[in-house]
Amino acid sequence: MRNSQNITLSRSESLSTTTADETTWSLPGAVVGFVAWLVALAIPFMIYGPNTLFFFLYTWPFFLALMPVSVVVGIALHSLLDGKLLYSSVATLLTVIAMFGVLFMWLLG
């Protein structure tokens, strides 16, 4: 025995439910996260010069592990800020630089 009813939806009702469920496109957030990681990687070279290469010789896995984290942070902040590219890029850049700085200072100390 079937305990259901047939419900007919008009075309406008079926279209309005599908557009509300769409998510924000995450590619701009991923690109911003990767660029923020590259900028954060360049900051120690600007401060300490070529001697940073000797420091990165043994610690490169730690900084390489921050790359996917930076991409995920970029995607998360881009979707949390409703796709506003300027705000999400500034927030991602500050967050990734802070993560990179904390790791750098932890490895130096």
N, C-alpha and C. Protein backbone atom coordinates (compact mmCIF):
# COMPACT_ATOMS: atom_id res chain seq x y z
N MET A 1 0.81 -1.17 0.00
CA MET A 1 0.00 0.00 0.00
C MET A 1 0.87 1.25 0.00
N ARG A 2 0.49 2.20 -0.80
CA ARG A 2 1.26 3.42 -0.93
C ARG A 2 0.58 4.54 -0.14
N ASN A 3 1.36 5.21 0.69
CA ASN A 3 0.81 6.27 1.53
C ASN A 3 1.40 7.62 1.09
N SER A 4 1.15 8.01 -0.13
CA SER A 4 1.68 9.27 -0.63
C SER A 4 0.66 9.91 -1.56
N GLN A 5 0.92 11.16 -1.85
CA GLN A 5 0.04 11.88 -2.75
C GLN A 5 0.85 12.41 -3.91
N ASN A 6 0.23 12.52 -5.04
CA ASN A 6 0.88 13.11 -6.20
C ASN A 6 0.75 14.62 -6.12
N ILE A 7 1.91 15.30 -6.16
CA ILE A 7 1.91 16.75 -6.08
C ILE A 7 2.47 17.28 -7.39
N THR A 8 1.76 18.18 -7.99
CA THR A 8 2.23 18.79 -9.23
C THR A 8 2.83 20.14 -8.92
N LEU A 9 4.02 20.37 -9.43
CA LEU A 9 4.70 21.65 -9.25
C LEU A 9 4.69 22.40 -10.56
N SER A 10 4.50 23.66 -10.46
CA SER A 10 4.60 24.46 -11.67
C SER A 10 6.07 24.68 -12.00
N ARG A 11 6.36 25.15 -13.19
CA ARG A 11 7.75 25.34 -13.63
C ARG A 11 8.47 26.40 -12.78
N SER A 12 7.80 27.45 -12.37
CA SER A 12 8.44 28.50 -11.59
C SER A 12 8.80 28.02 -10.18
N GLU A 13 8.01 27.14 -9.59
CA GLU A 13 8.33 26.62 -8.26
C GLU A 13 9.53 25.69 -8.30
N SER A 14 9.65 24.88 -9.34
CA SER A 14 10.77 23.95 -9.42
C SER A 14 12.07 24.68 -9.71
N LEU A 15 12.05 25.78 -10.44
CA LEU A 15 13.27 26.53 -10.73
C LEU A 15 13.74 27.34 -9.54
N SER A 16 12.85 27.82 -8.73
CA SER A 16 13.25 28.65 -7.59
C SER A 16 13.96 27.83 -6.52
N THR A 17 13.66 26.56 -6.38
CA THR A 17 14.33 25.75 -5.36
C THR A 17 15.72 25.35 -5.79
N THR A 18 15.99 25.22 -7.09
CA THR A 18 17.33 24.80 -7.51
C THR A 18 18.33 25.95 -7.45
N THR A 19 17.91 27.17 -7.69
CA THR A 19 18.87 28.27 -7.65
C THR A 19 19.28 28.63 -6.22
N ALA A 20 18.48 28.35 -5.24
CA ALA A 20 18.83 28.68 -3.86
C ALA A 20 19.85 27.69 -3.28
N ASP A 21 19.98 26.51 -3.88
CA ASP A 21 20.88 25.49 -3.35
C ASP A 21 22.26 25.52 -3.97
N GLU A 22 22.50 26.38 -4.95
CA GLU A 22 23.79 26.41 -5.60
C GLU A 22 24.83 27.02 -4.68
N THR A 23 26.06 26.51 -4.76
CA THR A 23 27.13 27.00 -3.90
C THR A 23 28.00 27.99 -4.66
N THR A 24 28.85 28.69 -3.94
CA THR A 24 29.75 29.65 -4.54
C THR A 24 30.88 28.90 -5.25
N TRP A 25 31.29 29.42 -6.38
CA TRP A 25 32.38 28.81 -7.12
C TRP A 25 33.68 28.99 -6.34
N SER A 26 34.46 27.93 -6.16
CA SER A 26 35.60 27.97 -5.25
C SER A 26 36.94 28.20 -5.93
N LEU A 27 36.99 28.29 -7.23
CA LEU A 27 38.27 28.48 -7.91
C LEU A 27 38.94 29.81 -7.55
N PRO A 28 38.23 30.94 -7.51
CA PRO A 28 38.92 32.18 -7.11
C PRO A 28 39.50 32.11 -5.70
N GLY A 29 38.82 31.46 -4.78
CA GLY A 29 39.35 31.31 -3.43
C GLY A 29 40.59 30.45 -3.39
N ALA A 30 40.62 29.40 -4.21
CA ALA A 30 41.79 28.53 -4.27
C ALA A 30 42.99 29.26 -4.87
N VAL A 31 42.75 30.06 -5.89
CA VAL A 31 43.84 30.82 -6.51
C VAL A 31 44.37 31.87 -5.54
N VAL A 32 43.48 32.53 -4.83
CA VAL A 32 43.90 33.53 -3.84
C VAL A 32 44.70 32.86 -2.73
N GLY A 33 44.28 31.67 -2.29
CA GLY A 33 45.03 30.94 -1.26
C GLY A 33 46.42 30.56 -1.71
N PHE A 34 46.55 30.12 -2.97
CA PHE A 34 47.86 29.74 -3.49
C PHE A 34 48.77 30.96 -3.65
N VAL A 35 48.21 32.06 -4.15
CA VAL A 35 49.01 33.28 -4.30
C VAL A 35 49.42 33.82 -2.93
N ALA A 36 48.54 33.71 -1.95
CA ALA A 36 48.89 34.15 -0.60
C ALA A 36 50.01 33.29 -0.03
N TRP A 37 50.03 32.00 -0.35
CA TRP A 37 51.11 31.12 0.10
C TRP A 37 52.44 31.53 -0.55
N LEU A 38 52.39 31.88 -1.84
CA LEU A 38 53.61 32.33 -2.52
C LEU A 38 54.13 33.64 -1.94
N VAL A 39 53.21 34.55 -1.62
CA VAL A 39 53.62 35.82 -1.02
C VAL A 39 54.22 35.58 0.36
N ALA A 40 53.60 34.70 1.14
CA ALA A 40 54.12 34.40 2.47
C ALA A 40 55.48 33.69 2.38
N LEU A 41 55.69 32.91 1.34
CA LEU A 41 56.99 32.25 1.15
C LEU A 41 58.07 33.26 0.76
N ALA A 42 57.69 34.33 0.08
CA ALA A 42 58.66 35.33 -0.36
C ALA A 42 59.07 36.28 0.75
N ILE A 43 58.26 36.42 1.79
CA ILE A 43 58.57 37.39 2.85
C ILE A 43 59.89 37.07 3.57
N PRO A 44 60.19 35.82 3.97
CA PRO A 44 61.50 35.57 4.61
C PRO A 44 62.67 35.85 3.67
N PHE A 45 62.49 35.65 2.37
CA PHE A 45 63.57 35.97 1.43
C PHE A 45 63.81 37.48 1.37
N MET A 46 62.74 38.26 1.51
CA MET A 46 62.92 39.71 1.49
C MET A 46 63.57 40.21 2.78
N ILE A 47 63.30 39.50 3.89
CA ILE A 47 63.85 39.95 5.17
C ILE A 47 65.29 39.46 5.36
N TYR A 48 65.53 38.15 5.15
CA TYR A 48 66.83 37.55 5.45
C TYR A 48 67.72 37.34 4.23
N GLY A 49 67.19 37.52 3.05
CA GLY A 49 68.01 37.38 1.84
C GLY A 49 68.24 35.93 1.47
N PRO A 50 69.32 35.67 0.74
CA PRO A 50 69.57 34.31 0.25
C PRO A 50 69.91 33.29 1.35
N ASN A 51 70.20 33.75 2.56
CA ASN A 51 70.49 32.81 3.65
C ASN A 51 69.26 32.01 4.04
N THR A 52 68.10 32.43 3.60
CA THR A 52 66.86 31.71 3.89
C THR A 52 66.88 30.33 3.25
N LEU A 53 67.59 30.17 2.15
CA LEU A 53 67.66 28.86 1.49
C LEU A 53 68.27 27.80 2.40
N PHE A 54 69.27 28.18 3.20
CA PHE A 54 69.87 27.22 4.12
C PHE A 54 68.89 26.82 5.22
N PHE A 55 68.06 27.75 5.64
CA PHE A 55 67.04 27.42 6.63
C PHE A 55 65.97 26.52 6.04
N PHE A 56 65.59 26.79 4.78
CA PHE A 56 64.57 25.97 4.12
C PHE A 56 65.09 24.60 3.71
N LEU A 57 66.40 24.39 3.75
CA LEU A 57 66.97 23.11 3.34
C LEU A 57 66.44 21.96 4.18
N TYR A 58 66.28 22.19 5.47
CA TYR A 58 65.79 21.14 6.37
C TYR A 58 64.34 21.31 6.79
N THR A 59 63.78 22.47 6.58
CA THR A 59 62.42 22.72 7.07
C THR A 59 61.39 22.83 5.96
N TRP A 60 61.75 22.53 4.70
CA TRP A 60 60.82 22.71 3.59
C TRP A 60 59.54 21.88 3.71
N PRO A 61 59.54 20.67 4.33
CA PRO A 61 58.25 19.95 4.41
C PRO A 61 57.20 20.68 5.23
N PHE A 62 57.62 21.42 6.25
CA PHE A 62 56.66 22.17 7.06
C PHE A 62 55.98 23.26 6.24
N PHE A 63 56.77 23.97 5.46
CA PHE A 63 56.23 25.07 4.67
C PHE A 63 55.45 24.55 3.45
N LEU A 64 55.86 23.41 2.93
CA LEU A 64 55.10 22.81 1.84
C LEU A 64 53.75 22.29 2.34
N ALA A 65 53.69 21.85 3.58
CA ALA A 65 52.42 21.38 4.14
C ALA A 65 51.43 22.53 4.34
N LEU A 66 51.91 23.75 4.39
CA LEU A 66 51.01 24.89 4.52
C LEU A 66 50.32 25.26 3.21
N MET A 67 50.81 24.72 2.08
CA MET A 67 50.20 25.09 0.80
C MET A 67 48.76 24.60 0.69
N PRO A 68 48.45 23.31 0.91
CA PRO A 68 47.03 22.92 0.82
C PRO A 68 46.18 23.57 1.90
N VAL A 69 46.76 23.85 3.06
CA VAL A 69 46.02 24.54 4.11
C VAL A 69 45.67 25.96 3.65
N SER A 70 46.60 26.61 2.97
CA SER A 70 46.34 27.96 2.46
C SER A 70 45.26 27.96 1.39
N VAL A 71 45.26 26.94 0.54
CA VAL A 71 44.23 26.85 -0.50
C VAL A 71 42.85 26.63 0.14
N VAL A 72 42.79 25.77 1.14
CA VAL A 72 41.51 25.53 1.83
C VAL A 72 41.05 26.78 2.58
N VAL A 73 41.98 27.50 3.19
CA VAL A 73 41.63 28.75 3.87
C VAL A 73 41.10 29.76 2.86
N GLY A 74 41.71 29.83 1.68
CA GLY A 74 41.23 30.72 0.65
C GLY A 74 39.83 30.38 0.18
N ILE A 75 39.57 29.09 0.00
CA ILE A 75 38.23 28.66 -0.41
C ILE A 75 37.21 28.96 0.69
N ALA A 76 37.57 28.67 1.93
CA ALA A 76 36.64 28.88 3.04
C ALA A 76 36.32 30.35 3.24
N LEU A 77 37.34 31.19 3.21
CA LEU A 77 37.09 32.61 3.41
C LEU A 77 36.34 33.23 2.23
N HIS A 78 36.60 32.71 1.03
CA HIS A 78 35.89 33.23 -0.15
C HIS A 78 34.40 32.89 -0.07
N SER A 79 34.09 31.70 0.40
CA SER A 79 32.67 31.34 0.50
C SER A 79 32.02 31.97 1.74
N LEU A 80 32.78 32.18 2.81
CA LEU A 80 32.22 32.83 3.99
C LEU A 80 31.92 34.31 3.76
N LEU A 81 32.71 34.94 2.90
CA LEU A 81 32.51 36.35 2.60
C LEU A 81 31.65 36.55 1.35
N ASP A 82 30.86 35.55 1.00
CA ASP A 82 29.88 35.59 -0.09
C ASP A 82 30.49 35.94 -1.44
N GLY A 83 31.68 35.46 -1.71
CA GLY A 83 32.29 35.64 -3.02
C GLY A 83 32.84 37.02 -3.29
N LYS A 84 33.00 37.84 -2.28
CA LYS A 84 33.59 39.17 -2.47
C LYS A 84 35.11 39.00 -2.56
N LEU A 85 35.63 39.16 -3.76
CA LEU A 85 37.03 38.82 -4.04
C LEU A 85 38.01 39.72 -3.31
N LEU A 86 37.73 41.00 -3.22
CA LEU A 86 38.65 41.93 -2.56
C LEU A 86 38.76 41.62 -1.07
N TYR A 87 37.63 41.46 -0.40
CA TYR A 87 37.65 41.17 1.04
C TYR A 87 38.24 39.80 1.32
N SER A 88 37.90 38.81 0.50
CA SER A 88 38.41 37.46 0.75
C SER A 88 39.91 37.37 0.47
N SER A 89 40.40 38.13 -0.51
CA SER A 89 41.84 38.08 -0.78
C SER A 89 42.64 38.74 0.33
N VAL A 90 42.13 39.84 0.87
CA VAL A 90 42.84 40.50 1.99
C VAL A 90 42.80 39.61 3.23
N ALA A 91 41.65 39.03 3.53
CA ALA A 91 41.54 38.16 4.70
C ALA A 91 42.40 36.91 4.55
N THR A 92 42.44 36.34 3.34
CA THR A 92 43.26 35.16 3.11
C THR A 92 44.73 35.49 3.21
N LEU A 93 45.12 36.62 2.65
CA LEU A 93 46.53 37.02 2.71
C LEU A 93 46.98 37.22 4.14
N LEU A 94 46.18 37.90 4.95
CA LEU A 94 46.55 38.11 6.35
C LEU A 94 46.58 36.81 7.14
N THR A 95 45.63 35.92 6.88
CA THR A 95 45.58 34.65 7.61
C THR A 95 46.76 33.75 7.25
N VAL A 96 47.08 33.67 5.96
CA VAL A 96 48.19 32.81 5.53
C VAL A 96 49.53 33.37 6.00
N ILE A 97 49.69 34.67 5.94
CA ILE A 97 50.94 35.27 6.45
C ILE A 97 51.07 35.03 7.95
N ALA A 98 49.97 35.08 8.68
CA ALA A 98 50.03 34.81 10.12
C ALA A 98 50.40 33.34 10.38
N MET A 99 49.81 32.41 9.63
CA MET A 99 50.16 31.00 9.80
C MET A 99 51.62 30.75 9.45
N PHE A 100 52.06 31.35 8.37
CA PHE A 100 53.45 31.19 7.93
C PHE A 100 54.40 31.78 8.97
N GLY A 101 54.06 32.95 9.51
CA GLY A 101 54.90 33.59 10.52
C GLY A 101 54.99 32.80 11.80
N VAL A 102 53.86 32.22 12.21
CA VAL A 102 53.87 31.40 13.43
C VAL A 102 54.76 30.18 13.24
N LEU A 103 54.67 29.53 12.09
CA LEU A 103 55.51 28.37 11.82
C LEU A 103 56.98 28.76 11.73
N PHE A 104 57.25 29.87 11.08
CA PHE A 104 58.63 30.33 10.93
C PHE A 104 59.24 30.65 12.29
N MET A 105 58.50 31.35 13.12
CA MET A 105 59.02 31.69 14.45
C MET A 105 59.15 30.46 15.34
N TRP A 106 58.25 29.51 15.20
CA TRP A 106 58.35 28.28 15.98
C TRP A 106 59.59 27.48 15.59
N LEU A 107 59.90 27.44 14.29
CA LEU A 107 61.08 26.70 13.85
C LEU A 107 62.37 27.44 14.18
N LEU A 108 62.32 28.76 14.24
CA LEU A 108 63.51 29.51 14.62
C LEU A 108 63.82 29.39 16.10
N GLY A 109 62.78 29.26 16.91
CA GLY A 109 62.95 29.23 18.36
C GLY A 109 63.17 27.88 18.85
